[in-house]
């Protein structure tokens, strides 16, 4: 089931770049990010209210809160930078650089999370980096 969600995430992420590139035309990228964030906030809380038991918030630990808040800051900074890059550059060149995060995530998963570095993952990550570099510098 996780593969289905990952594929859907990739599809929706690709739409983010295209829709955002169209939507930021003529406006400040930070304003665009703020509007997008409000939509995400409302949409996500709606999903939570519909699908998550109301007492679930009581089960959150200090560790959950700390790392989810830090992840939120990272998300916000990522979105601000991404929208600025989209405003200044071509979506077809910004998106591959953004996807280099896959390789960085793989490295951090090995170092921080202690995940195993299989040959398949290393080769796949390397191909993502190589493909991104070709797309970035090939034009």
Protein backbone atom coordinates (compact mmCIF):
# COMPACT_ATOMS: atom_id res chain seq x y z
CA UNK A 1 0.00 0.00 0.00
CA UNK A 2 2.92 2.34 0.70
CA UNK A 3 3.94 2.15 -2.97
CA UNK A 4 0.52 3.40 -4.06
CA UNK A 5 0.77 6.35 -1.67
CA UNK A 6 4.31 7.10 -2.85
CA UNK A 7 3.18 7.08 -6.50
CA UNK A 8 0.25 9.35 -5.66
CA UNK A 9 2.64 11.66 -3.78
CA UNK A 10 4.85 11.86 -6.87
CA UNK A 11 1.87 12.63 -9.11
CA UNK A 12 0.59 15.36 -6.80
CA UNK A 13 4.13 16.75 -6.32
CA UNK A 14 4.49 17.08 -10.09
CA UNK A 15 1.24 19.03 -10.19
CA UNK A 16 2.59 21.34 -7.47
CA UNK A 17 5.36 22.57 -9.76
CA UNK A 18 3.10 23.13 -12.76
CA UNK A 19 0.19 24.72 -10.87
CA UNK A 20 2.53 26.86 -8.76
CA UNK A 21 4.47 28.09 -11.78
CA UNK A 22 1.20 29.27 -13.32
CA UNK A 23 -0.11 30.65 -10.02
CA UNK A 24 2.92 32.72 -9.01
CA UNK A 25 2.96 34.73 -12.20
CA UNK A 26 3.03 38.39 -11.27
CA UNK A 27 2.99 37.96 -7.48
CA UNK A 28 5.58 37.60 -4.73
CA UNK A 29 6.66 33.98 -4.21
CA UNK A 30 6.39 34.30 -0.42
CA UNK A 31 2.76 35.42 -0.73
CA UNK A 32 2.10 32.46 -3.01
CA UNK A 33 3.68 30.11 -0.47
CA UNK A 34 1.55 31.58 2.32
CA UNK A 35 -1.65 31.08 0.31
CA UNK A 36 -0.68 27.50 -0.50
CA UNK A 37 0.16 26.86 3.15
CA UNK A 38 -3.26 28.07 4.34
CA UNK A 39 -4.94 25.76 1.85
CA UNK A 40 -2.79 22.83 3.01
CA UNK A 41 -3.52 23.68 6.65
CA UNK A 42 -7.29 23.78 6.19
CA UNK A 43 -7.36 20.70 3.96
CA UNK A 44 -5.16 18.65 6.31
CA UNK A 45 -7.15 19.53 9.44
CA UNK A 46 -10.35 18.65 7.61
CA UNK A 47 -8.94 15.21 6.81
CA UNK A 48 -7.82 14.80 10.44
CA UNK A 49 -11.25 15.72 11.81
CA UNK A 50 -12.88 13.22 9.45
CA UNK A 51 -10.48 10.28 9.83
CA UNK A 52 -8.59 10.49 13.14
CA UNK A 53 -10.11 9.66 16.55
CA UNK A 54 -10.47 12.84 18.62
CA UNK A 55 -8.44 11.50 21.56
CA UNK A 56 -5.38 10.77 19.37
CA UNK A 57 -3.75 14.09 20.21
CA UNK A 58 -3.37 12.90 23.82
CA UNK A 59 -1.00 10.16 22.66
CA UNK A 60 1.57 12.59 21.26
CA UNK A 61 4.86 12.65 23.15
CA UNK A 62 7.36 15.47 23.56
CA UNK A 63 9.53 13.71 21.00
CA UNK A 64 6.60 13.59 18.52
CA UNK A 65 5.93 17.30 19.00
CA UNK A 66 9.61 18.30 18.77
CA UNK A 67 10.37 16.46 15.57
CA UNK A 68 7.05 17.26 13.89
CA UNK A 69 7.56 20.97 14.63
CA UNK A 70 11.12 20.78 13.28
CA UNK A 71 9.79 18.96 10.21
CA UNK A 72 7.24 21.75 9.81
CA UNK A 73 9.98 24.37 9.81
CA UNK A 74 11.93 22.35 7.23
CA UNK A 75 8.78 22.06 5.11
CA UNK A 76 8.14 25.80 5.30
CA UNK A 77 11.70 26.68 4.34
CA UNK A 78 11.62 24.13 1.52
CA UNK A 79 8.37 25.58 0.15
CA UNK A 80 9.61 29.17 0.38
CA UNK A 81 12.79 28.30 -1.48
CA UNK A 82 10.94 26.12 -4.00
CA UNK A 83 8.43 28.82 -4.90
CA UNK A 84 11.18 31.43 -5.23
CA UNK A 85 13.12 29.09 -7.50
CA UNK A 86 9.99 28.45 -9.58
CA UNK A 87 9.40 32.16 -9.88
CA UNK A 88 12.94 32.75 -11.12
CA UNK A 89 13.56 29.60 -13.17
CA UNK A 90 11.96 27.05 -15.46
CA UNK A 91 9.89 24.38 -13.73
CA UNK A 92 11.63 21.76 -15.88
CA UNK A 93 14.96 22.76 -14.32
CA UNK A 94 13.81 23.60 -10.80
CA UNK A 95 12.01 20.28 -10.26
CA UNK A 96 15.07 18.07 -10.93
CA UNK A 97 17.14 20.07 -8.45
CA UNK A 98 14.34 19.74 -5.90
CA UNK A 99 14.28 15.98 -6.51
CA UNK A 100 17.94 15.81 -5.53
CA UNK A 101 16.38 15.74 -2.06
CA UNK A 102 15.80 12.04 -2.74
CA UNK A 103 19.55 11.41 -2.72
CA UNK A 104 20.02 13.58 0.36
CA UNK A 105 17.21 11.72 2.11
CA UNK A 106 18.85 8.39 1.31
CA UNK A 107 22.16 9.58 2.77
CA UNK A 108 20.48 11.01 5.88
CA UNK A 109 18.45 7.80 6.31
CA UNK A 110 21.72 5.87 6.41
CA UNK A 111 23.51 8.29 8.75
CA UNK A 112 20.73 9.42 11.10
CA UNK A 113 18.17 6.61 11.00
CA UNK A 114 20.66 3.77 10.63
CA UNK A 115 18.92 2.31 7.60
CA UNK A 116 20.86 -0.27 5.60
CA UNK A 117 22.75 0.91 2.52
CA UNK A 118 21.83 -1.70 -0.08
CA UNK A 119 23.49 -1.73 -3.47
CA UNK A 120 20.08 -1.28 -5.11
CA UNK A 121 19.37 1.90 -3.12
CA UNK A 122 22.85 3.32 -3.72
CA UNK A 123 22.63 2.68 -7.48
CA UNK A 124 19.08 4.05 -7.67
CA UNK A 125 20.02 7.17 -5.72
CA UNK A 126 23.08 7.68 -7.91
CA UNK A 127 20.94 7.40 -11.05
CA UNK A 128 18.52 10.00 -9.68
CA UNK A 129 21.44 12.37 -9.07
CA UNK A 130 22.92 11.66 -12.51
CA UNK A 131 19.56 12.17 -14.22
CA UNK A 132 18.98 15.41 -12.33
CA UNK A 133 22.41 16.72 -13.29
CA UNK A 134 21.79 15.89 -16.95
CA UNK A 135 18.47 17.73 -16.84
CA UNK A 136 19.94 20.72 -15.02
CA UNK A 137 23.11 21.20 -17.05
CA UNK A 138 21.99 19.59 -20.32
CA UNK A 139 20.19 22.69 -21.57
